[in-house]
């Protein structure tokens, strides 16, 4: 039975009428038509579905929408300000960490969540965050380099 579920996504208050057990990834992609969040493994292994909920990076492929009632949700579409990319997006692009791009939105959201929570994350903490993601194309060195570049850009903005 469908229920109304309200939350904020990318700065906009939203109410959807869906089965409360529907997965957040499906609500984001199929109901809200935000396709940056990807559906990958469906078992919380690959990280392509990562979004930020109440400031924490979470995988949306195993999260029922009822669990985000009243939450503040951020997807990759909500990071850029107009045409200005967020430092994480910009750095991942400039470091050569984008090949096919399928895993990129989830990695960007993971790194955004990490750097919001811990702007001084060290290389080990960055690598531990990236351990939650599978990338078949780039290898992880350019991604790590992009994360460290983003950290510097964020710190320079403050």
N, C-alpha and C. Protein backbone atom coordinates (compact mmCIF):
# COMPACT_ATOMS: atom_id res chain seq x y z
N UNK A 1 0.85 -1.18 0.00
CA UNK A 1 0.00 0.00 0.00
C UNK A 1 0.89 1.24 0.00
N UNK A 2 0.59 2.17 -0.86
CA UNK A 2 1.38 3.39 -1.00
C UNK A 2 1.15 4.33 0.18
N UNK A 3 2.19 5.02 0.55
CA UNK A 3 2.14 6.03 1.61
C UNK A 3 2.84 7.28 1.12
N UNK A 4 2.51 8.40 1.73
CA UNK A 4 3.23 9.64 1.42
C UNK A 4 4.47 9.71 2.30
N UNK A 5 5.59 9.88 1.65
CA UNK A 5 6.88 9.99 2.35
C UNK A 5 7.45 11.36 1.97
N UNK A 6 7.79 12.16 2.99
CA UNK A 6 8.33 13.50 2.75
C UNK A 6 9.77 13.58 3.22
N UNK A 7 10.59 14.27 2.43
CA UNK A 7 11.99 14.50 2.73
C UNK A 7 12.46 15.66 1.88
N UNK A 8 13.67 16.09 2.12
CA UNK A 8 14.28 17.13 1.31
C UNK A 8 15.35 16.48 0.44
N UNK A 9 15.32 16.79 -0.85
CA UNK A 9 16.34 16.24 -1.74
C UNK A 9 16.94 17.37 -2.56
N UNK A 10 18.25 17.48 -2.50
CA UNK A 10 18.99 18.52 -3.23
C UNK A 10 18.41 19.90 -2.97
N UNK A 11 18.00 20.13 -1.71
CA UNK A 11 17.51 21.43 -1.28
C UNK A 11 16.04 21.67 -1.48
N UNK A 12 15.32 20.74 -2.09
CA UNK A 12 13.89 20.92 -2.35
C UNK A 12 13.06 19.96 -1.49
N UNK A 13 12.03 20.49 -0.84
CA UNK A 13 11.10 19.64 -0.09
C UNK A 13 10.34 18.78 -1.09
N UNK A 14 10.23 17.50 -0.78
CA UNK A 14 9.62 16.55 -1.70
C UNK A 14 8.71 15.60 -0.95
N UNK A 15 7.58 15.29 -1.53
CA UNK A 15 6.70 14.24 -1.02
C UNK A 15 6.41 13.29 -2.17
N UNK A 16 6.63 12.01 -1.92
CA UNK A 16 6.33 10.98 -2.91
C UNK A 16 5.29 10.04 -2.33
N UNK A 17 4.46 9.50 -3.19
CA UNK A 17 3.49 8.50 -2.75
C UNK A 17 3.92 7.16 -3.34
N UNK A 18 4.50 6.35 -2.48
CA UNK A 18 5.11 5.09 -2.91
C UNK A 18 4.95 4.05 -1.81
N UNK A 19 5.23 2.81 -2.15
CA UNK A 19 5.32 1.75 -1.15
C UNK A 19 6.47 2.12 -0.22
N UNK A 20 6.25 2.16 1.09
CA UNK A 20 7.31 2.57 2.01
C UNK A 20 8.53 1.64 2.00
N UNK A 21 8.37 0.45 1.45
CA UNK A 21 9.49 -0.49 1.35
C UNK A 21 10.28 -0.31 0.05
N UNK A 22 9.79 0.56 -0.84
CA UNK A 22 10.51 0.81 -2.09
C UNK A 22 11.90 1.34 -1.75
N UNK A 23 12.89 0.89 -2.49
CA UNK A 23 14.26 1.29 -2.20
C UNK A 23 14.51 2.72 -2.63
N UNK A 24 15.31 3.42 -1.86
CA UNK A 24 15.60 4.82 -2.14
C UNK A 24 16.19 4.99 -3.54
N UNK A 25 17.07 4.11 -3.98
CA UNK A 25 17.64 4.21 -5.32
C UNK A 25 16.54 4.22 -6.38
N UNK A 26 15.50 3.42 -6.18
CA UNK A 26 14.41 3.36 -7.15
C UNK A 26 13.55 4.61 -7.10
N UNK A 27 13.32 5.14 -5.90
CA UNK A 27 12.56 6.39 -5.78
C UNK A 27 13.32 7.51 -6.49
N UNK A 28 14.61 7.59 -6.23
CA UNK A 28 15.42 8.65 -6.83
C UNK A 28 15.41 8.54 -8.35
N UNK A 29 15.61 7.35 -8.87
CA UNK A 29 15.73 7.17 -10.32
C UNK A 29 14.38 7.14 -11.03
N UNK A 30 13.43 6.37 -10.50
CA UNK A 30 12.19 6.11 -11.21
C UNK A 30 11.07 7.10 -10.90
N UNK A 31 11.04 7.60 -9.68
CA UNK A 31 9.97 8.52 -9.29
C UNK A 31 10.42 9.96 -9.48
N UNK A 32 11.63 10.28 -9.04
CA UNK A 32 12.12 11.66 -9.11
C UNK A 32 12.92 11.94 -10.39
N UNK A 33 13.20 10.90 -11.16
CA UNK A 33 13.93 11.03 -12.44
C UNK A 33 15.30 11.69 -12.29
N UNK A 34 15.97 11.42 -11.19
CA UNK A 34 17.36 11.85 -10.98
C UNK A 34 18.23 10.63 -11.26
N UNK A 35 18.87 10.60 -12.40
CA UNK A 35 19.53 9.37 -12.83
C UNK A 35 21.04 9.34 -12.58
N UNK A 36 21.56 10.31 -11.85
CA UNK A 36 22.98 10.29 -11.50
C UNK A 36 23.31 9.17 -10.53
N UNK A 37 22.39 8.85 -9.64
CA UNK A 37 22.56 7.74 -8.71
C UNK A 37 22.34 6.46 -9.49
N UNK A 38 23.32 5.58 -9.48
CA UNK A 38 23.26 4.37 -10.30
C UNK A 38 22.84 3.15 -9.49
N UNK A 39 22.22 2.21 -10.19
CA UNK A 39 21.90 0.90 -9.62
C UNK A 39 22.96 -0.05 -10.16
N UNK A 40 23.71 -0.65 -9.24
CA UNK A 40 24.80 -1.53 -9.66
C UNK A 40 24.57 -2.95 -9.24
N UNK A 41 25.05 -3.32 -8.08
CA UNK A 41 25.07 -4.71 -7.65
C UNK A 41 23.79 -5.14 -6.93
N UNK A 42 23.03 -4.21 -6.41
CA UNK A 42 21.80 -4.49 -5.66
C UNK A 42 22.04 -5.21 -4.33
N UNK A 43 23.27 -5.25 -3.86
CA UNK A 43 23.51 -5.89 -2.56
C UNK A 43 24.49 -5.09 -1.70
N UNK A 44 24.60 -3.80 -1.99
CA UNK A 44 25.39 -2.88 -1.17
C UNK A 44 26.89 -3.17 -1.21
N UNK A 45 27.37 -3.69 -2.32
CA UNK A 45 28.79 -4.01 -2.45
C UNK A 45 29.55 -2.99 -3.29
N UNK A 46 28.97 -2.53 -4.40
CA UNK A 46 29.75 -1.75 -5.37
C UNK A 46 29.81 -0.25 -5.08
N UNK A 47 28.81 0.30 -4.39
CA UNK A 47 28.83 1.71 -4.02
C UNK A 47 28.33 2.68 -5.07
N UNK A 48 27.87 2.20 -6.24
CA UNK A 48 27.41 3.12 -7.27
C UNK A 48 26.16 3.88 -6.86
N UNK A 49 25.44 3.37 -5.88
CA UNK A 49 24.18 3.98 -5.44
C UNK A 49 24.36 4.95 -4.28
N UNK A 50 25.58 5.30 -3.93
CA UNK A 50 25.84 6.12 -2.74
C UNK A 50 25.27 7.52 -2.88
N UNK A 51 24.58 7.93 -1.83
CA UNK A 51 24.03 9.28 -1.69
C UNK A 51 24.41 9.75 -0.29
N UNK A 52 24.08 10.99 0.03
CA UNK A 52 24.34 11.50 1.37
C UNK A 52 22.99 11.77 2.03
N UNK A 53 22.79 11.17 3.20
CA UNK A 53 21.56 11.34 3.97
C UNK A 53 21.94 11.91 5.33
N UNK A 54 21.40 13.08 5.62
CA UNK A 54 21.70 13.76 6.89
C UNK A 54 23.20 13.85 7.14
N UNK A 55 23.94 14.16 6.07
CA UNK A 55 25.37 14.39 6.19
C UNK A 55 26.25 13.16 6.12
N UNK A 56 25.66 11.97 5.98
CA UNK A 56 26.45 10.73 5.96
C UNK A 56 26.27 10.04 4.62
N UNK A 57 27.36 9.55 4.05
CA UNK A 57 27.30 8.77 2.82
C UNK A 57 26.67 7.41 3.14
N UNK A 58 25.63 7.06 2.38
CA UNK A 58 24.95 5.78 2.56
C UNK A 58 24.66 5.17 1.20
N UNK A 59 24.53 3.87 1.18
CA UNK A 59 24.16 3.16 -0.05
C UNK A 59 22.64 3.09 -0.11
N UNK A 60 22.09 3.50 -1.24
CA UNK A 60 20.64 3.60 -1.36
C UNK A 60 19.98 2.35 -1.92
N UNK A 61 20.76 1.34 -2.30
CA UNK A 61 20.19 0.15 -2.92
C UNK A 61 19.58 -0.82 -1.91
N UNK A 62 19.83 -0.60 -0.66
CA UNK A 62 19.23 -1.49 0.35
C UNK A 62 18.53 -0.68 1.44
N UNK A 63 18.17 0.56 1.14
CA UNK A 63 17.57 1.46 2.10
C UNK A 63 16.11 1.72 1.72
N UNK A 64 15.15 1.24 2.52
CA UNK A 64 13.75 1.52 2.22
C UNK A 64 13.46 3.00 2.38
N UNK A 65 12.62 3.54 1.49
CA UNK A 65 12.34 4.97 1.49
C UNK A 65 11.72 5.43 2.80
N UNK A 66 11.03 4.57 3.52
CA UNK A 66 10.44 4.97 4.80
C UNK A 66 11.51 5.42 5.80
N UNK A 67 12.75 4.96 5.61
CA UNK A 67 13.84 5.31 6.52
C UNK A 67 14.37 6.72 6.30
N UNK A 68 13.96 7.37 5.20
CA UNK A 68 14.44 8.74 4.96
C UNK A 68 13.34 9.78 5.20
N UNK A 69 12.26 9.36 5.82
CA UNK A 69 11.20 10.32 6.15
C UNK A 69 11.79 11.47 6.97
N UNK A 70 11.59 12.69 6.49
CA UNK A 70 12.09 13.87 7.18
C UNK A 70 13.57 14.15 7.00
N UNK A 71 14.26 13.30 6.26
CA UNK A 71 15.72 13.43 6.11
C UNK A 71 16.08 14.48 5.07
N UNK A 72 17.35 14.88 5.11
CA UNK A 72 17.93 15.74 4.09
C UNK A 72 18.82 14.85 3.24
N UNK A 73 18.46 14.75 1.96
CA UNK A 73 19.14 13.85 1.03
C UNK A 73 19.86 14.68 -0.03
N UNK A 74 21.06 14.25 -0.36
CA UNK A 74 21.83 14.92 -1.40
C UNK A 74 22.29 13.86 -2.39
N UNK A 75 22.04 14.14 -3.68
CA UNK A 75 22.54 13.27 -4.75
C UNK A 75 23.58 14.05 -5.54
N UNK A 76 24.22 13.39 -6.46
CA UNK A 76 25.27 14.03 -7.25
C UNK A 76 24.71 15.24 -8.01
N UNK A 77 23.43 15.21 -8.37
CA UNK A 77 22.83 16.34 -9.08
C UNK A 77 22.77 17.59 -8.21
N UNK A 78 22.81 17.43 -6.89
CA UNK A 78 22.70 18.56 -5.98
C UNK A 78 24.01 19.20 -5.58
N UNK A 79 25.14 18.69 -6.07
CA UNK A 79 26.44 19.23 -5.65
C UNK A 79 26.84 20.51 -6.36
N UNK A 80 26.70 20.54 -7.66
CA UNK A 80 27.14 21.71 -8.43
C UNK A 80 26.24 22.90 -8.15
N UNK A 81 26.80 24.07 -8.21
CA UNK A 81 26.05 25.32 -8.09
C UNK A 81 25.98 25.92 -9.48
N UNK A 82 24.87 25.70 -10.17
CA UNK A 82 24.77 26.13 -11.55
C UNK A 82 25.78 25.37 -12.38
N UNK A 83 26.63 26.11 -13.07
CA UNK A 83 27.66 25.48 -13.90
C UNK A 83 28.98 25.27 -13.15
N UNK A 84 29.02 25.68 -11.88
CA UNK A 84 30.24 25.53 -11.09
C UNK A 84 30.24 24.20 -10.35
N UNK A 85 31.15 23.33 -10.75
CA UNK A 85 31.25 22.03 -10.11
C UNK A 85 31.70 22.16 -8.66
N UNK A 86 31.25 21.24 -7.83
CA UNK A 86 31.75 21.15 -6.47
C UNK A 86 33.22 20.71 -6.56
N UNK A 87 34.06 21.11 -5.60
CA UNK A 87 35.47 20.71 -5.65
C UNK A 87 35.70 19.21 -5.80
N UNK A 88 34.85 18.38 -5.23
CA UNK A 88 35.03 16.93 -5.39
C UNK A 88 34.79 16.55 -6.85
N UNK A 89 33.73 17.07 -7.45
CA UNK A 89 33.45 16.77 -8.86
C UNK A 89 34.58 17.25 -9.75
N UNK A 90 35.02 18.47 -9.52
CA UNK A 90 36.08 19.07 -10.33
C UNK A 90 37.38 18.27 -10.21
N UNK A 91 37.74 17.91 -9.01
CA UNK A 91 39.00 17.20 -8.77
C UNK A 91 38.99 15.79 -9.33
N UNK A 92 37.87 15.11 -9.21
CA UNK A 92 37.78 13.76 -9.77
C UNK A 92 37.94 13.83 -11.28
N UNK A 93 37.34 14.82 -11.89
CA UNK A 93 37.47 15.00 -13.34
C UNK A 93 38.90 15.34 -13.73
N UNK A 94 39.50 16.30 -13.05
CA UNK A 94 40.84 16.77 -13.41
C UNK A 94 41.94 15.77 -13.11
N UNK A 95 41.71 14.86 -12.17
CA UNK A 95 42.74 13.88 -11.82
C UNK A 95 42.75 12.68 -12.77
N UNK A 96 41.83 12.65 -13.71
CA UNK A 96 41.76 11.52 -14.63
C UNK A 96 41.07 10.31 -14.03
N UNK A 97 40.27 10.53 -12.99
CA UNK A 97 39.62 9.42 -12.29
C UNK A 97 38.31 9.00 -12.94
N UNK A 98 37.99 9.57 -14.10
CA UNK A 98 36.75 9.22 -14.78
C UNK A 98 37.09 8.47 -16.06
N UNK A 99 36.64 7.26 -16.15
CA UNK A 99 36.80 6.50 -17.39
C UNK A 99 35.40 6.29 -17.94
N UNK A 100 34.76 5.16 -17.62
CA UNK A 100 33.40 4.94 -18.14
C UNK A 100 32.41 5.81 -17.38
N UNK A 101 32.71 6.17 -16.14
CA UNK A 101 31.87 7.07 -15.37
C UNK A 101 30.75 6.41 -14.59
N UNK A 102 30.54 5.12 -14.73
CA UNK A 102 29.43 4.47 -14.05
C UNK A 102 29.55 4.57 -12.53
N UNK A 103 30.72 4.35 -12.00
CA UNK A 103 30.92 4.37 -10.55
C UNK A 103 31.13 5.78 -10.00
N UNK A 104 31.39 6.72 -10.87
CA UNK A 104 31.81 8.06 -10.45
C UNK A 104 30.83 8.77 -9.53
N UNK A 105 29.52 8.80 -9.81
CA UNK A 105 28.62 9.52 -8.89
C UNK A 105 28.67 8.99 -7.46
N UNK A 106 28.73 7.67 -7.32
CA UNK A 106 28.80 7.10 -5.97
C UNK A 106 30.10 7.45 -5.27
N UNK A 107 31.19 7.42 -6.00
CA UNK A 107 32.49 7.79 -5.42
C UNK A 107 32.50 9.26 -5.03
N UNK A 108 31.97 10.10 -5.91
CA UNK A 108 31.90 11.54 -5.61
C UNK A 108 31.10 11.77 -4.32
N UNK A 109 29.97 11.09 -4.18
CA UNK A 109 29.14 11.29 -2.99
C UNK A 109 29.83 10.75 -1.73
N UNK A 110 30.53 9.64 -1.86
CA UNK A 110 31.29 9.09 -0.73
C UNK A 110 32.34 10.10 -0.27
N UNK A 111 33.09 10.63 -1.23
CA UNK A 111 34.15 11.59 -0.88
C UNK A 111 33.57 12.89 -0.35
N UNK A 112 32.47 13.34 -0.91
CA UNK A 112 31.80 14.53 -0.40
C UNK A 112 31.43 14.32 1.08
N UNK A 113 30.79 13.19 1.37
CA UNK A 113 30.40 12.88 2.75
C UNK A 113 31.59 12.83 3.68
N UNK A 114 32.66 12.17 3.24
CA UNK A 114 33.87 12.07 4.05
C UNK A 114 34.45 13.45 4.33
N UNK A 115 34.61 14.27 3.30
CA UNK A 115 35.27 15.56 3.47
C UNK A 115 34.38 16.58 4.18
N UNK A 116 33.08 16.41 4.12
CA UNK A 116 32.20 17.26 4.93
C UNK A 116 32.34 16.91 6.40
N UNK A 117 32.42 15.62 6.69
CA UNK A 117 32.55 15.16 8.07
C UNK A 117 33.96 15.37 8.61
N UNK A 118 34.95 15.17 7.76
CA UNK A 118 36.34 15.24 8.19
C UNK A 118 37.18 15.93 7.12
N UNK A 119 37.18 17.27 7.09
CA UNK A 119 37.91 17.99 6.05
C UNK A 119 39.42 17.71 6.05
N UNK A 120 39.93 17.18 7.15
CA UNK A 120 41.36 16.88 7.25
C UNK A 120 41.65 15.39 7.15
N UNK A 121 40.78 14.66 6.46
CA UNK A 121 40.97 13.21 6.32
C UNK A 121 42.35 12.93 5.74
N UNK A 122 43.03 11.97 6.32
CA UNK A 122 44.36 11.61 5.80
C UNK A 122 44.21 10.58 4.68
N UNK A 123 45.31 10.25 4.06
CA UNK A 123 45.29 9.34 2.91
C UNK A 123 44.67 8.00 3.28
N UNK A 124 44.96 7.47 4.46
CA UNK A 124 44.40 6.20 4.88
C UNK A 124 42.88 6.29 5.02
N UNK A 125 42.39 7.40 5.58
CA UNK A 125 40.94 7.57 5.72
C UNK A 125 40.26 7.69 4.35
N UNK A 126 40.91 8.37 3.43
CA UNK A 126 40.39 8.46 2.06
C UNK A 126 40.34 7.07 1.44
N UNK A 127 41.43 6.32 1.56
CA UNK A 127 41.48 4.97 0.99
C UNK A 127 40.45 4.06 1.63
N UNK A 128 40.22 4.18 2.94
CA UNK A 128 39.20 3.37 3.61
C UNK A 128 37.81 3.70 3.08
N UNK A 129 37.54 4.97 2.83
CA UNK A 129 36.25 5.36 2.25
C UNK A 129 36.10 4.77 0.85
N UNK A 130 37.17 4.80 0.08
CA UNK A 130 37.12 4.27 -1.28
C UNK A 130 37.01 2.76 -1.32
N UNK A 131 37.37 2.08 -0.23
CA UNK A 131 37.23 0.61 -0.17
C UNK A 131 35.78 0.17 -0.28
N UNK A 132 34.83 1.08 -0.13
CA UNK A 132 33.40 0.76 -0.22
C UNK A 132 32.92 0.80 -1.66
N UNK A 133 33.84 1.04 -2.61
CA UNK A 133 33.45 1.23 -4.02
C UNK A 133 34.26 0.34 -4.94
N UNK A 134 33.59 -0.13 -5.98
CA UNK A 134 34.26 -0.90 -7.02
C UNK A 134 34.36 -0.05 -8.27
N UNK A 135 35.57 0.00 -8.82
CA UNK A 135 35.80 0.70 -10.08
C UNK A 135 36.59 -0.26 -10.96
N UNK A 136 36.07 -0.52 -12.14
CA UNK A 136 36.73 -1.47 -13.03
C UNK A 136 37.65 -0.80 -14.03
N UNK A 137 37.57 0.51 -14.16
CA UNK A 137 38.28 1.18 -15.26
C UNK A 137 39.54 1.93 -14.84
N UNK A 138 39.44 2.77 -13.82
CA UNK A 138 40.53 3.70 -13.56
C UNK A 138 41.63 3.14 -12.68
N UNK A 139 41.33 2.14 -11.89
CA UNK A 139 42.22 1.82 -10.80
C UNK A 139 41.94 2.87 -9.74
N UNK A 140 42.54 2.80 -8.63
CA UNK A 140 42.14 3.69 -7.55
C UNK A 140 43.09 4.86 -7.33
N UNK A 141 44.26 4.82 -7.94
CA UNK A 141 45.22 5.89 -7.72
C UNK A 141 44.71 7.26 -8.19
N UNK A 142 44.16 7.38 -9.40
CA UNK A 142 43.64 8.69 -9.81
C UNK A 142 42.46 9.15 -8.95
N UNK A 143 41.68 8.19 -8.47
CA UNK A 143 40.54 8.55 -7.60
C UNK A 143 41.08 9.09 -6.28
N UNK A 144 42.05 8.40 -5.71
CA UNK A 144 42.66 8.88 -4.47
C UNK A 144 43.30 10.24 -4.67
N UNK A 145 44.01 10.41 -5.77
CA UNK A 145 44.63 11.70 -6.07
C UNK A 145 43.57 12.80 -6.19
N UNK A 146 42.46 12.49 -6.85
CA UNK A 146 41.36 13.44 -6.97
C UNK A 146 40.77 13.80 -5.62
N UNK A 147 40.65 12.81 -4.74
CA UNK A 147 40.12 13.06 -3.40
C UNK A 147 41.03 14.01 -2.63
N UNK A 148 42.32 13.78 -2.72
CA UNK A 148 43.27 14.64 -2.00
C UNK A 148 43.31 16.04 -2.60
N UNK A 149 43.15 16.13 -3.92
CA UNK A 149 43.07 17.42 -4.60
C UNK A 149 41.81 18.17 -4.14
N UNK A 150 40.69 17.45 -4.04
CA UNK A 150 39.44 18.06 -3.59
C UNK A 150 39.57 18.58 -2.17
N UNK A 151 40.24 17.81 -1.34
CA UNK A 151 40.44 18.22 0.05
C UNK A 151 41.16 19.56 0.10
N UNK A 152 42.18 19.72 -0.72
CA UNK A 152 42.92 20.98 -0.74
C UNK A 152 42.04 22.12 -1.25
N UNK A 153 41.27 21.88 -2.30
CA UNK A 153 40.37 22.92 -2.83
C UNK A 153 39.34 23.35 -1.78
N UNK A 154 38.81 22.39 -1.05
CA UNK A 154 37.81 22.69 -0.02
C UNK A 154 38.45 23.51 1.09
N UNK A 155 39.64 23.12 1.51
CA UNK A 155 40.32 23.86 2.56
C UNK A 155 40.68 25.27 2.11
N UNK A 156 41.05 25.43 0.84
CA UNK A 156 41.39 26.75 0.30
C UNK A 156 40.18 27.66 0.23
N UNK A 157 38.98 27.08 0.07
CA UNK A 157 37.75 27.88 0.00
C UNK A 157 37.36 28.47 1.35
N UNK A 158 37.83 27.84 2.41
CA UNK A 158 37.41 28.24 3.76
C UNK A 158 38.27 29.36 4.30
